[in-house]
Every structure is written in C-alpha cells, then in structure tokens.
Protein backbone atom coordinates (compact mmCIF):
# COMPACT_ATOMS: atom_id res chain seq x y z
CA MET A 1 -2.39 -6.38 38.21
CA ARG A 2 -4.75 -7.11 35.35
CA MET A 3 -3.63 -8.81 32.16
CA ILE A 4 -5.25 -8.16 28.80
CA LEU A 5 -4.51 -10.19 25.68
CA GLY A 6 -5.05 -8.28 22.44
CA ILE A 7 -5.36 -10.22 19.19
CA ASP A 8 -5.22 -9.21 15.54
CA PRO A 9 -6.65 -12.38 13.97
CA GLY A 10 -5.41 -13.65 10.65
CA LEU A 11 -5.24 -17.09 9.09
CA ASN A 12 -1.59 -16.71 8.04
CA THR A 13 -0.35 -14.30 10.71
CA THR A 14 -2.08 -13.62 14.01
CA GLY A 15 -0.64 -10.78 16.03
CA TYR A 16 -0.86 -10.85 19.81
CA GLY A 17 0.03 -8.46 22.60
CA VAL A 18 -0.21 -8.87 26.34
CA ILE A 19 -0.42 -5.74 28.46
CA SER A 20 -0.79 -5.32 32.19
CA VAL A 21 -2.70 -2.60 33.94
CA SER A 22 -1.78 -1.66 37.48
CA ALA A 23 -2.35 1.60 39.34
CA GLY A 24 -3.45 3.26 36.12
CA ARG A 25 -0.26 2.31 34.26
CA VAL A 26 -0.31 0.24 31.10
CA ARG A 27 2.78 -1.88 30.45
CA LEU A 28 3.84 -4.25 27.72
CA GLN A 29 4.39 -7.82 28.92
CA GLU A 30 4.94 -9.59 25.60
CA ALA A 31 4.00 -9.26 21.97
CA GLY A 32 4.56 -11.31 18.86
CA ILE A 33 2.94 -13.31 16.11
CA VAL A 34 1.60 -16.78 15.63
CA GLN A 35 2.52 -17.79 12.12
CA SER A 36 0.94 -20.67 10.24
CA PRO A 37 2.65 -22.37 7.31
CA ALA A 38 1.94 -20.38 4.14
CA LYS A 39 0.91 -23.29 1.94
CA ALA A 40 -0.75 -25.40 4.65
CA GLU A 41 -4.37 -26.50 4.50
CA ILE A 42 -6.87 -24.63 6.68
CA PRO A 43 -7.08 -27.33 9.40
CA LEU A 44 -3.33 -27.09 10.03
CA LYS A 45 -3.41 -23.28 9.98
CA VAL A 46 -6.24 -23.26 12.52
CA LYS A 47 -4.36 -25.73 14.74
CA GLU A 48 -1.20 -23.59 14.67
CA ILE A 49 -3.16 -20.48 15.68
CA TYR A 50 -5.05 -22.36 18.39
CA ASP A 51 -1.86 -23.89 19.85
CA GLY A 52 -0.03 -20.56 19.77
CA ILE A 53 -2.80 -18.65 21.49
CA ARG A 54 -3.26 -21.42 24.09
CA GLU A 55 0.46 -21.09 24.87
CA VAL A 56 0.17 -17.33 25.41
CA ILE A 57 -2.93 -17.81 27.58
CA ALA A 58 -1.15 -20.45 29.69
CA LYS A 59 1.86 -18.18 30.19
CA PHE A 60 0.00 -14.99 31.17
CA SER A 61 -3.50 -16.00 32.37
CA PRO A 62 -5.19 -12.89 30.97
CA GLU A 63 -8.60 -11.97 32.35
CA VAL A 64 -9.88 -10.86 28.97
CA LEU A 65 -9.10 -11.37 25.31
CA ALA A 66 -9.82 -8.37 23.09
CA MET A 67 -9.77 -8.63 19.31
CA GLU A 68 -10.92 -6.93 16.16
CA GLN A 69 -14.49 -7.58 15.08
CA LEU A 70 -15.06 -9.58 11.95
CA TYR A 71 -15.67 -7.34 8.98
CA SER A 72 -16.09 -7.90 5.30
CA HIS A 73 -15.33 -5.67 2.38
CA TYR A 74 -17.68 -6.29 -0.51
CA ASP A 75 -14.86 -7.12 -2.93
CA ARG A 76 -12.99 -9.43 -0.49
CA PRO A 77 -15.45 -11.95 0.99
CA VAL A 78 -12.77 -14.68 1.16
CA THR A 79 -10.74 -12.52 3.56
CA ALA A 80 -13.69 -12.37 5.95
CA ILE A 81 -14.15 -16.13 5.78
CA GLN A 82 -10.46 -16.71 6.50
CA MET A 83 -10.54 -14.27 9.40
CA GLY A 84 -13.61 -16.13 10.70
CA HIS A 85 -11.60 -19.36 10.84
CA ALA A 86 -8.89 -17.61 12.86
CA ARG A 87 -11.40 -15.92 15.18
CA GLY A 88 -13.18 -19.23 15.78
CA CYS A 89 -10.12 -21.07 17.03
CA ILE A 90 -9.07 -18.04 19.10
CA CYS A 91 -12.51 -17.89 20.72
CA LEU A 92 -12.31 -21.62 21.45
CA ALA A 93 -8.91 -21.21 23.12
CA ALA A 94 -10.31 -18.40 25.28
CA ALA A 95 -13.50 -20.28 26.16
CA GLN A 96 -11.56 -23.36 27.23
CA SER A 97 -9.64 -21.17 29.67
CA GLU A 98 -12.83 -19.36 30.76
CA ILE A 99 -11.55 -16.02 29.50
CA ALA A 100 -14.02 -13.36 28.42
CA VAL A 101 -13.80 -12.31 24.77
CA VAL A 102 -14.66 -8.78 23.64
CA SER A 103 -14.56 -7.39 20.12
CA TYR A 104 -13.97 -3.90 18.82
CA ALA A 105 -14.41 -2.49 15.33
CA ALA A 106 -11.12 -1.55 13.68
CA THR A 107 -12.39 2.02 13.24
CA GLN A 108 -13.16 2.23 16.98
CA VAL A 109 -9.68 1.03 17.91
CA LYS A 110 -8.04 3.52 15.56
CA LYS A 111 -10.21 6.38 16.79
CA ILE A 112 -9.42 5.71 20.45
CA LEU A 113 -5.67 5.49 19.80
CA THR A 114 -5.12 8.11 17.11
CA GLY A 115 -8.23 10.28 17.08
CA SER A 116 -9.11 9.09 13.57
CA GLY A 117 -11.12 5.99 12.77
CA HIS A 118 -9.37 5.77 9.41
CA ALA A 119 -5.76 6.09 10.60
CA ALA A 120 -3.05 4.39 8.57
CA LYS A 121 -1.09 1.40 9.90
CA ASP A 122 1.97 3.54 10.61
CA GLN A 123 -0.12 5.97 12.67
CA VAL A 124 -1.40 3.09 14.80
CA GLN A 125 2.16 1.79 15.22
CA ARG A 126 3.37 5.24 16.39
CA ALA A 127 0.43 5.64 18.77
CA VAL A 128 1.12 2.23 20.34
CA ARG A 129 4.83 3.06 20.64
CA LEU A 130 4.04 6.31 22.44
CA GLU A 131 1.35 4.78 24.66
CA LEU A 132 3.59 1.94 25.83
CA LYS A 133 6.74 4.10 25.88
CA LEU A 134 8.59 1.77 23.52
CA ALA A 135 11.90 2.61 21.89
CA HIS A 136 10.65 1.45 18.48
CA CYS A 137 7.34 0.91 16.74
CA PRO A 138 6.02 -2.64 17.14
CA GLU A 139 6.70 -4.82 14.11
CA PRO A 140 5.11 -6.33 12.15
CA PRO A 141 1.92 -4.20 11.98
CA ASP A 142 -0.10 -7.23 13.18
CA VAL A 143 1.60 -6.85 16.58
CA ALA A 144 0.84 -3.14 16.74
CA ASP A 145 -2.80 -3.84 15.83
CA ALA A 146 -3.07 -6.48 18.57
CA LEU A 147 -1.61 -4.10 21.15
CA ALA A 148 -3.92 -1.34 19.91
CA VAL A 149 -6.97 -3.55 20.55
CA ALA A 150 -5.75 -4.31 24.08
CA ILE A 151 -5.14 -0.61 24.79
CA CYS A 152 -8.55 0.21 23.33
CA HIS A 153 -10.08 -2.18 25.85
CA VAL A 154 -8.38 -0.30 28.70
CA TYR A 155 -9.58 3.08 27.45
CA HIS A 156 -13.03 1.81 26.68
CA GLY A 157 -13.39 1.30 30.44
CA ARG A 158 -14.44 -2.33 30.29
CA LEU A 159 -12.09 -3.51 33.02
CA GLY A 160 -14.65 -3.56 35.76
C-alpha cells in the first residue's frame, strides 16, 4: 500500500489529506487542517504548520508529498509571499523525513478531477467526494483541495 500526503498550503490554514493506493483503489486515510493562530507573528505560524505536518508525516509515513504550486496573482503579491512561507516549512518537514515533494498547478489539479481547469471550489469538493466515495463533501475547502492534489498525483501516474 502506498501513502500519499496532499497539502493545500496556507499561512493561516493548511489543508492536508492522506490517501492510500492499493490494487488500483484509492482510499481516504485521514484529512484535516493545521491551523495557526490568526493574530500570531509569522515565525509562530510557520512553526505551527511545520509541527502539524511533521505529526501527520510521523503517523502515516507517506512516500510522497504533493501540493499546489506557488502562484501569484498580480493584485495579490502578499498572498504569494505568505503561501511561500507555508510551502517552505512544509518542504522542510518533508525533506527531514526524506519524502519526495511534487507540485501541481491548481488548474492542472482541477482539470484532472473535474475536467475543467477553472472549476469552482464546490465542484472540486464534489469530485473529491465522488472519487473517495465519501458520504459528504470534505470541509473546509482546504481539505478538499489537499485531497484533490493527492488524487491528481495518482492520476498523473507519478507513483512509479
């Protein structure tokens, strides 16, 4: 059985999802969020994310960590910088455990799961629910996005 850790990085809320792949079947192992204190300084936020991801890695020993690529919208450069802080501590946690890190563009993840690279959050949530045969859509959307990245990795054929 292969374990994949999907991450939706964010400085305030980082979504994560662990899926297993065995005999062609994809199953949910665990999903949730790592939340940092809203008004905390960046060093504390980064530490909270790092500690939370290290805990998930220790529990599941994934062979790969898949996450969204860093992107920047021209009118929101601060968002990209904040996401970079989150991605940095996540990459460090993975590197310390000798776990490969792969990145996918958000449009690629959405296209693989929904058929549209510009799908809305609720479409991604429904696609993840159907793919993992869940009773309800994953909440919050950060969790669905993390699971979507992990599923994208499976379908992208990068397990070998």
